[in-house]
């Protein structure tokens, strides 16, 4: 283990676009579900529904928050629709790759607890991890419901993580594909890792970065 990570006893991983490549475009399936929900709930056309999903995401940081605060849509109802039985075939190339086999091996070798920390639902995380043969690698999953539907980078998600699992942020590493979601982690004292983003980040909230999860795992060894 590299000296910069020798203190880490808890390894925290985002799910979507972190444990699989963003090129898989699985999240497009979730967004399409959100658009369909919006069209039915608000009696809108497809383009108007796409615009509404996007506008609430920009305004509130997550569509689910905007729909609850502005329209009284129950978060659980909305997210169940958005994530229910999302087709996972877009992950097939990654699932069958030698790179994923190496990722699984290297995550398994990390010393300490391993947690998945997602703005999606536990149901979705369980399905994706099982599909990729990764579920047994992780001790548990923290989802948006655990954070009272206040997603990363809002503090309630991180507070839930720390309280529920007794996580010491100063002995934790958090691996994400979103620099924005690393800001709160860095404020808490976590070692922050940005993956699956091109270029070298200049953001001081990022302790380490790599073009892919596998690249970082190799660096960390």
C-alpha atoms as a PDB file:
ATOM      1  CA  UNK A   1       0.000   0.000   0.000  1.00  0.00           C
ATOM      2  CA  UNK A   2       1.311   3.449  -0.943  1.00  0.00           C
ATOM      3  CA  UNK A   3       2.366   5.529   2.124  1.00  0.00           C
ATOM      4  CA  UNK A   4      -0.330   8.147   1.422  1.00  0.00           C
ATOM      5  CA  UNK A   5      -2.962   5.477   2.098  1.00  0.00           C
ATOM      6  CA  UNK A   6      -1.315   3.574   4.940  1.00  0.00           C
ATOM      7  CA  UNK A   7      -3.645   5.212   7.485  1.00  0.00           C
ATOM      8  CA  UNK A   8      -6.864   4.177   5.714  1.00  0.00           C
ATOM      9  CA  UNK A   9      -9.118   1.621   7.416  1.00  0.00           C
ATOM     10  CA  UNK A  10     -12.384   2.372   5.579  1.00  0.00           C
ATOM     11  CA  UNK A  11     -12.647   2.454   1.782  1.00  0.00           C
ATOM     12  CA  UNK A  12     -15.712   4.239   0.419  1.00  0.00           C
ATOM     13  CA  UNK A  13     -16.733   3.917  -3.225  1.00  0.00           C
ATOM     14  CA  UNK A  14     -19.346   5.730  -5.234  1.00  0.00           C
ATOM     15  CA  UNK A  15     -21.334   3.390  -7.496  1.00  0.00           C
ATOM     16  CA  UNK A  16     -22.476   4.861 -10.807  1.00  0.00           C
ATOM     17  CA  UNK A  17     -19.701   5.884 -13.214  1.00  0.00           C
ATOM     18  CA  UNK A  18     -17.118   4.899 -10.590  1.00  0.00           C
ATOM     19  CA  UNK A  19     -17.343   1.120 -10.238  1.00  0.00           C
ATOM     20  CA  UNK A  20     -18.103   0.908 -13.947  1.00  0.00           C
ATOM     21  CA  UNK A  21     -16.923   3.199 -16.788  1.00  0.00           C
ATOM     22  CA  UNK A  22     -19.120   6.184 -17.665  1.00  0.00           C
ATOM     23  CA  UNK A  23     -18.850   5.062 -21.286  1.00  0.00           C
ATOM     24  CA  UNK A  24     -21.349   2.338 -20.380  1.00  0.00           C
ATOM     25  CA  UNK A  25     -23.968   5.105 -20.200  1.00  0.00           C
ATOM     26  CA  UNK A  26     -26.096   3.164 -17.737  1.00  0.00           C
ATOM     27  CA  UNK A  27     -27.246   6.391 -16.104  1.00  0.00           C
ATOM     28  CA  UNK A  28     -28.966   7.329 -19.371  1.00  0.00           C
ATOM     29  CA  UNK A  29     -31.436   4.550 -18.596  1.00  0.00           C
ATOM     30  CA  UNK A  30     -32.204   6.093 -15.210  1.00  0.00           C
ATOM     31  CA  UNK A  31     -32.664   9.559 -16.703  1.00  0.00           C
ATOM     32  CA  UNK A  32     -35.025   8.101 -19.315  1.00  0.00           C
ATOM     33  CA  UNK A  33     -37.097   6.623 -16.488  1.00  0.00           C
ATOM     34  CA  UNK A  34     -37.199  10.023 -14.778  1.00  0.00           C
ATOM     35  CA  UNK A  35     -38.410  11.586 -18.014  1.00  0.00           C
ATOM     36  CA  UNK A  36     -41.151   8.962 -18.380  1.00  0.00           C
ATOM     37  CA  UNK A  37     -42.245   9.516 -14.781  1.00  0.00           C
ATOM     38  CA  UNK A  38     -42.358  13.270 -15.351  1.00  0.00           C
ATOM     39  CA  UNK A  39     -44.397  12.918 -18.534  1.00  0.00           C
ATOM     40  CA  UNK A  40     -46.992  10.793 -16.764  1.00  0.00           C
ATOM     41  CA  UNK A  41     -47.098  12.713 -13.500  1.00  0.00           C
ATOM     42  CA  UNK A  42     -47.296  16.198 -15.003  1.00  0.00           C
ATOM     43  CA  UNK A  43     -48.973  15.367 -18.329  1.00  0.00           C
ATOM     44  CA  UNK A  44     -46.091  16.737 -20.391  1.00  0.00           C
ATOM     45  CA  UNK A  45     -44.511  15.853 -23.705  1.00  0.00           C
ATOM     46  CA  UNK A  46     -41.119  14.158 -23.826  1.00  0.00           C
ATOM     47  CA  UNK A  47     -39.047  17.273 -24.532  1.00  0.00           C
ATOM     48  CA  UNK A  48     -40.840  19.288 -21.852  1.00  0.00           C
ATOM     49  CA  UNK A  49     -40.271  16.404 -19.436  1.00  0.00           C
ATOM     50  CA  UNK A  50     -36.553  16.269 -20.278  1.00  0.00           C
ATOM     51  CA  UNK A  51     -36.328  20.008 -19.659  1.00  0.00           C
ATOM     52  CA  UNK A  52     -38.124  19.694 -16.331  1.00  0.00           C
ATOM     53  CA  UNK A  53     -35.842  16.893 -15.134  1.00  0.00           C
ATOM     54  CA  UNK A  54     -32.767  18.915 -16.110  1.00  0.00           C
ATOM     55  CA  UNK A  55     -33.994  22.212 -14.649  1.00  0.00           C
ATOM     56  CA  UNK A  56     -34.801  20.685 -11.274  1.00  0.00           C
ATOM     57  CA  UNK A  57     -31.437  18.943 -11.217  1.00  0.00           C
ATOM     58  CA  UNK A  58     -29.627  22.228 -11.850  1.00  0.00           C
ATOM     59  CA  UNK A  59     -31.742  24.216  -9.384  1.00  0.00           C
ATOM     60  CA  UNK A  60     -31.693  21.733  -6.501  1.00  0.00           C
ATOM     61  CA  UNK A  61     -28.645  19.568  -7.155  1.00  0.00           C
ATOM     62  CA  UNK A  62     -30.871  16.520  -7.658  1.00  0.00           C
ATOM     63  CA  UNK A  63     -34.175  16.122  -9.472  1.00  0.00           C
ATOM     64  CA  UNK A  64     -35.650  14.154  -6.577  1.00  0.00           C
ATOM     65  CA  UNK A  65     -35.179  17.099  -4.191  1.00  0.00           C
ATOM     66  CA  UNK A  66     -36.736  19.548  -6.622  1.00  0.00           C
ATOM     67  CA  UNK A  67     -39.760  17.374  -7.234  1.00  0.00           C
ATOM     68  CA  UNK A  68     -40.330  16.964  -3.508  1.00  0.00           C
ATOM     69  CA  UNK A  69     -39.811  20.600  -2.535  1.00  0.00           C
ATOM     70  CA  UNK A  70     -41.557  22.184  -5.524  1.00  0.00           C
ATOM     71  CA  UNK A  71     -44.276  19.623  -6.291  1.00  0.00           C
ATOM     72  CA  UNK A  72     -44.706  17.368  -3.261  1.00  0.00           C
ATOM     73  CA  UNK A  73     -43.571  14.234  -5.085  1.00  0.00           C
ATOM     74  CA  UNK A  74     -42.605  11.547  -2.580  1.00  0.00           C
ATOM     75  CA  UNK A  75     -38.900  10.737  -3.052  1.00  0.00           C
ATOM     76  CA  UNK A  76     -39.355   6.994  -2.538  1.00  0.00           C
ATOM     77  CA  UNK A  77     -42.091   6.809  -5.167  1.00  0.00           C
ATOM     78  CA  UNK A  78     -40.065   8.766  -7.718  1.00  0.00           C
ATOM     79  CA  UNK A  79     -36.818   6.867  -7.160  1.00  0.00           C
ATOM     80  CA  UNK A  80     -38.501   3.468  -7.165  1.00  0.00           C
ATOM     81  CA  UNK A  81     -39.862   4.250 -10.617  1.00  0.00           C
ATOM     82  CA  UNK A  82     -36.536   5.653 -11.825  1.00  0.00           C
ATOM     83  CA  UNK A  83     -34.417   2.694 -10.732  1.00  0.00           C
ATOM     84  CA  UNK A  84     -36.790  -0.273 -10.938  1.00  0.00           C
ATOM     85  CA  UNK A  85     -35.372  -3.060 -13.120  1.00  0.00           C
ATOM     86  CA  UNK A  86     -33.129  -0.727 -15.118  1.00  0.00           C
ATOM     87  CA  UNK A  87     -31.698  -2.839 -17.983  1.00  0.00           C
ATOM     88  CA  UNK A  88     -28.100  -3.696 -17.168  1.00  0.00           C
ATOM     89  CA  UNK A  89     -27.008  -4.985 -20.563  1.00  0.00           C
ATOM     90  CA  UNK A  90     -24.994  -1.818 -21.156  1.00  0.00           C
ATOM     91  CA  UNK A  91     -22.590  -3.175 -18.543  1.00  0.00           C
ATOM     92  CA  UNK A  92     -21.928  -6.413 -20.434  1.00  0.00           C
ATOM     93  CA  UNK A  93     -18.648  -5.322 -22.012  1.00  0.00           C
ATOM     94  CA  UNK A  94     -17.313  -4.186 -18.632  1.00  0.00           C
ATOM     95  CA  UNK A  95     -18.684  -7.239 -16.835  1.00  0.00           C
ATOM     96  CA  UNK A  96     -16.836  -9.594 -19.168  1.00  0.00           C
ATOM     97  CA  UNK A  97     -13.555  -7.660 -19.275  1.00  0.00           C
ATOM     98  CA  UNK A  98     -10.161  -8.583 -17.871  1.00  0.00           C
ATOM     99  CA  UNK A  99     -10.014  -5.068 -16.417  1.00  0.00           C
ATOM    100  CA  UNK A 100     -13.020  -5.698 -14.159  1.00  0.00           C
ATOM    101  CA  UNK A 101     -11.525  -8.988 -13.012  1.00  0.00           C
ATOM    102  CA  UNK A 102      -8.421  -7.073 -11.939  1.00  0.00           C
ATOM    103  CA  UNK A 103     -10.517  -4.352 -10.277  1.00  0.00           C
ATOM    104  CA  UNK A 104     -12.342  -6.985  -8.229  1.00  0.00           C
ATOM    105  CA  UNK A 105      -9.074  -8.579  -7.176  1.00  0.00           C
ATOM    106  CA  UNK A 106      -7.512  -5.279  -6.160  1.00  0.00           C
ATOM    107  CA  UNK A 107     -10.560  -4.090  -4.208  1.00  0.00           C
ATOM    108  CA  UNK A 108     -10.653  -7.423  -2.389  1.00  0.00           C
ATOM    109  CA  UNK A 109      -7.019  -6.893  -1.379  1.00  0.00           C
ATOM    110  CA  UNK A 110      -7.625  -3.479   0.215  1.00  0.00           C
ATOM    111  CA  UNK A 111      -7.222  -3.792   4.004  1.00  0.00           C
ATOM    112  CA  UNK A 112     -10.252  -2.758   6.045  1.00  0.00           C
ATOM    113  CA  UNK A 113     -13.943  -2.123   5.483  1.00  0.00           C
ATOM    114  CA  UNK A 114     -15.351  -1.351   2.054  1.00  0.00           C
ATOM    115  CA  UNK A 115     -18.607   0.540   1.611  1.00  0.00           C
ATOM    116  CA  UNK A 116     -20.633   1.695  -1.395  1.00  0.00           C
ATOM    117  CA  UNK A 117     -21.918   5.264  -0.998  1.00  0.00           C
ATOM    118  CA  UNK A 118     -24.515   6.170  -3.639  1.00  0.00           C
ATOM    119  CA  UNK A 119     -27.032   8.876  -4.474  1.00  0.00           C
ATOM    120  CA  UNK A 120     -29.131   6.130  -6.030  1.00  0.00           C
ATOM    121  CA  UNK A 121     -31.166   3.445  -4.311  1.00  0.00           C
ATOM    122  CA  UNK A 122     -29.960   0.387  -2.424  1.00  0.00           C
ATOM    123  CA  UNK A 123     -32.033  -1.753  -4.780  1.00  0.00           C
ATOM    124  CA  UNK A 124     -30.166  -0.372  -7.804  1.00  0.00           C
ATOM    125  CA  UNK A 125     -26.786  -0.745  -6.124  1.00  0.00           C
ATOM    126  CA  UNK A 126     -27.497  -4.350  -5.151  1.00  0.00           C
ATOM    127  CA  UNK A 127     -28.481  -5.178  -8.735  1.00  0.00           C
ATOM    128  CA  UNK A 128     -25.454  -3.501 -10.323  1.00  0.00           C
ATOM    129  CA  UNK A 129     -22.961  -4.979  -7.876  1.00  0.00           C
ATOM    130  CA  UNK A 130     -24.418  -8.459  -8.247  1.00  0.00           C
ATOM    131  CA  UNK A 131     -24.431  -8.168 -12.038  1.00  0.00           C
ATOM    132  CA  UNK A 132     -20.751  -7.226 -12.001  1.00  0.00           C
ATOM    133  CA  UNK A 133     -19.810  -9.929  -9.505  1.00  0.00           C
ATOM    134  CA  UNK A 134     -18.818  -7.313  -6.918  1.00  0.00           C
ATOM    135  CA  UNK A 135     -21.444  -7.554  -4.171  1.00  0.00           C
ATOM    136  CA  UNK A 136     -19.361  -9.781  -1.910  1.00  0.00           C
ATOM    137  CA  UNK A 137     -16.516  -7.250  -1.976  1.00  0.00           C
ATOM    138  CA  UNK A 138     -18.444  -4.675   0.058  1.00  0.00           C
ATOM    139  CA  UNK A 139     -19.578  -4.731   3.665  1.00  0.00           C
ATOM    140  CA  UNK A 140     -22.656  -2.605   3.028  1.00  0.00           C
ATOM    141  CA  UNK A 141     -24.357   0.066   0.932  1.00  0.00           C
ATOM    142  CA  UNK A 142     -25.361   3.572   2.012  1.00  0.00           C
ATOM    143  CA  UNK A 143     -28.023   5.021  -0.293  1.00  0.00           C
ATOM    144  CA  UNK A 144     -29.924   8.272  -0.664  1.00  0.00           C
ATOM    145  CA  UNK A 145     -32.688   7.119   1.701  1.00  0.00           C
ATOM    146  CA  UNK A 146     -30.095   6.666   4.455  1.00  0.00           C
ATOM    147  CA  UNK A 147     -29.252  10.352   4.007  1.00  0.00           C
ATOM    148  CA  UNK A 148     -32.915  11.368   4.337  1.00  0.00           C
ATOM    149  CA  UNK A 149     -32.984  12.019   0.585  1.00  0.00           C
ATOM    150  CA  UNK A 150     -30.329  14.732   0.873  1.00  0.00           C
ATOM    151  CA  UNK A 151     -27.774  13.476  -1.642  1.00  0.00           C
ATOM    152  CA  UNK A 152     -24.046  14.026  -1.892  1.00  0.00           C
ATOM    153  CA  UNK A 153     -22.480  16.528  -1.527  1.00  0.00           C
ATOM    154  CA  UNK A 154     -24.974  17.544   1.190  1.00  0.00           C
ATOM    155  CA  UNK A 155     -23.825  16.809   4.718  1.00  0.00           C
ATOM    156  CA  UNK A 156     -26.707  14.502   5.826  1.00  0.00           C
ATOM    157  CA  UNK A 157     -25.403  11.733   3.566  1.00  0.00           C
ATOM    158  CA  UNK A 158     -21.954  11.885   5.144  1.00  0.00           C
ATOM    159  CA  UNK A 159     -23.355  12.215   8.661  1.00  0.00           C
ATOM    160  CA  UNK A 160     -25.428   9.078   8.116  1.00  0.00           C
ATOM    161  CA  UNK A 161     -22.359   7.232   6.854  1.00  0.00           C
ATOM    162  CA  UNK A 162     -20.236   8.223   9.846  1.00  0.00           C
ATOM    163  CA  UNK A 163     -22.883   7.570  12.498  1.00  0.00           C
ATOM    164  CA  UNK A 164     -24.143   4.302  11.096  1.00  0.00           C
ATOM    165  CA  UNK A 165     -20.742   2.717  10.667  1.00  0.00           C
ATOM    166  CA  UNK A 166     -18.600   4.620  13.145  1.00  0.00           C
ATOM    167  CA  UNK A 167     -16.510   5.911  10.258  1.00  0.00           C
ATOM    168  CA  UNK A 168     -13.526   8.041  11.196  1.00  0.00           C
ATOM    169  CA  UNK A 169     -13.214  10.385   8.209  1.00  0.00           C
ATOM    170  CA  UNK A 170      -9.523  10.940   8.894  1.00  0.00           C
ATOM    171  CA  UNK A 171      -8.931   7.221   8.369  1.00  0.00           C
ATOM    172  CA  UNK A 172     -11.115   6.914   5.288  1.00  0.00           C
ATOM    173  CA  UNK A 173     -10.615   7.166   1.533  1.00  0.00           C
ATOM    174  CA  UNK A 174     -13.478   8.144  -0.756  1.00  0.00           C
ATOM    175  CA  UNK A 175     -13.372   7.245  -4.469  1.00  0.00           C
ATOM    176  CA  UNK A 176     -15.737   9.186  -6.747  1.00  0.00           C
ATOM    177  CA  UNK A 177     -16.210  10.308 -10.341  1.00  0.00           C
ATOM    178  CA  UNK A 178     -17.606  13.693  -9.239  1.00  0.00           C
ATOM    179  CA  UNK A 179     -15.250  16.336  -7.850  1.00  0.00           C
ATOM    180  CA  UNK A 180     -18.281  18.165  -6.441  1.00  0.00           C
ATOM    181  CA  UNK A 181     -19.162  15.160  -4.294  1.00  0.00           C
ATOM    182  CA  UNK A 182     -15.626  15.073  -2.900  1.00  0.00           C
ATOM    183  CA  UNK A 183     -15.840  18.582  -1.413  1.00  0.00           C
ATOM    184  CA  UNK A 184     -17.714  17.568   1.748  1.00  0.00           C
ATOM    185  CA  UNK A 185     -15.536  14.486   2.157  1.00  0.00           C
ATOM    186  CA  UNK A 186     -12.424  16.645   2.024  1.00  0.00           C
ATOM    187  CA  UNK A 187     -13.856  19.089   4.567  1.00  0.00           C
ATOM    188  CA  UNK A 188     -14.387  16.139   6.914  1.00  0.00           C
ATOM    189  CA  UNK A 189     -10.784  15.006   6.498  1.00  0.00           C
ATOM    190  CA  UNK A 190     -11.195  12.080   4.117  1.00  0.00           C
ATOM    191  CA  UNK A 191      -8.553  11.166   1.558  1.00  0.00           C
ATOM    192  CA  UNK A 192     -10.294  11.978  -1.727  1.00  0.00           C
ATOM    193  CA  UNK A 193      -9.824  10.213  -5.053  1.00  0.00           C
ATOM    194  CA  UNK A 194     -11.269  11.332  -8.395  1.00  0.00           C
ATOM    195  CA  UNK A 195     -11.516   8.691 -11.135  1.00  0.00           C
ATOM    196  CA  UNK A 196     -12.936   8.365 -14.643  1.00  0.00           C
ATOM    197  CA  UNK A 197     -12.415  12.046 -15.427  1.00  0.00           C
ATOM    198  CA  UNK A 198      -9.981  13.190 -18.132  1.00  0.00           C
ATOM    199  CA  UNK A 199      -7.182  15.602 -17.350  1.00  0.00           C
ATOM    200  CA  UNK A 200      -5.543  16.560 -14.083  1.00  0.00           C
ATOM    201  CA  UNK A 201      -7.867  18.267 -11.594  1.00  0.00           C
ATOM    202  CA  UNK A 202      -6.724  21.540 -10.079  1.00  0.00           C
ATOM    203  CA  UNK A 203      -9.385  21.402  -7.368  1.00  0.00           C
ATOM    204  CA  UNK A 204      -7.718  21.282  -3.966  1.00  0.00           C
ATOM    205  CA  UNK A 205     -10.452  18.981  -2.681  1.00  0.00           C
ATOM    206  CA  UNK A 206      -8.870  16.130  -4.696  1.00  0.00           C
ATOM    207  CA  UNK A 207      -5.928  14.312  -3.095  1.00  0.00           C
ATOM    208  CA  UNK A 208      -5.395  11.868  -5.959  1.00  0.00           C
ATOM    209  CA  UNK A 209      -6.811  11.285  -9.423  1.00  0.00           C
ATOM    210  CA  UNK A 210      -6.573   8.711 -12.188  1.00  0.00           C
ATOM    211  CA  UNK A 211      -8.104   8.202 -15.641  1.00  0.00           C
ATOM    212  CA  UNK A 212      -9.869   5.064 -14.424  1.00  0.00           C
ATOM    213  CA  UNK A 213     -10.635   3.147 -11.260  1.00  0.00           C
ATOM    214  CA  UNK A 214      -8.195   0.431 -12.275  1.00  0.00           C
ATOM    215  CA  UNK A 215      -5.418   2.963 -12.830  1.00  0.00           C
ATOM    216  CA  UNK A 216      -5.913   4.321  -9.321  1.00  0.00           C
ATOM    217  CA  UNK A 217      -6.054   0.869  -7.735  1.00  0.00           C
ATOM    218  CA  UNK A 218      -2.748   0.051  -9.392  1.00  0.00           C
ATOM    219  CA  UNK A 219      -1.240   3.295  -8.094  1.00  0.00           C
ATOM    220  CA  UNK A 220      -2.563   2.622  -4.596  1.00  0.00           C
ATOM    221  CA  UNK A 221      -1.044  -0.845  -4.296  1.00  0.00           C
END
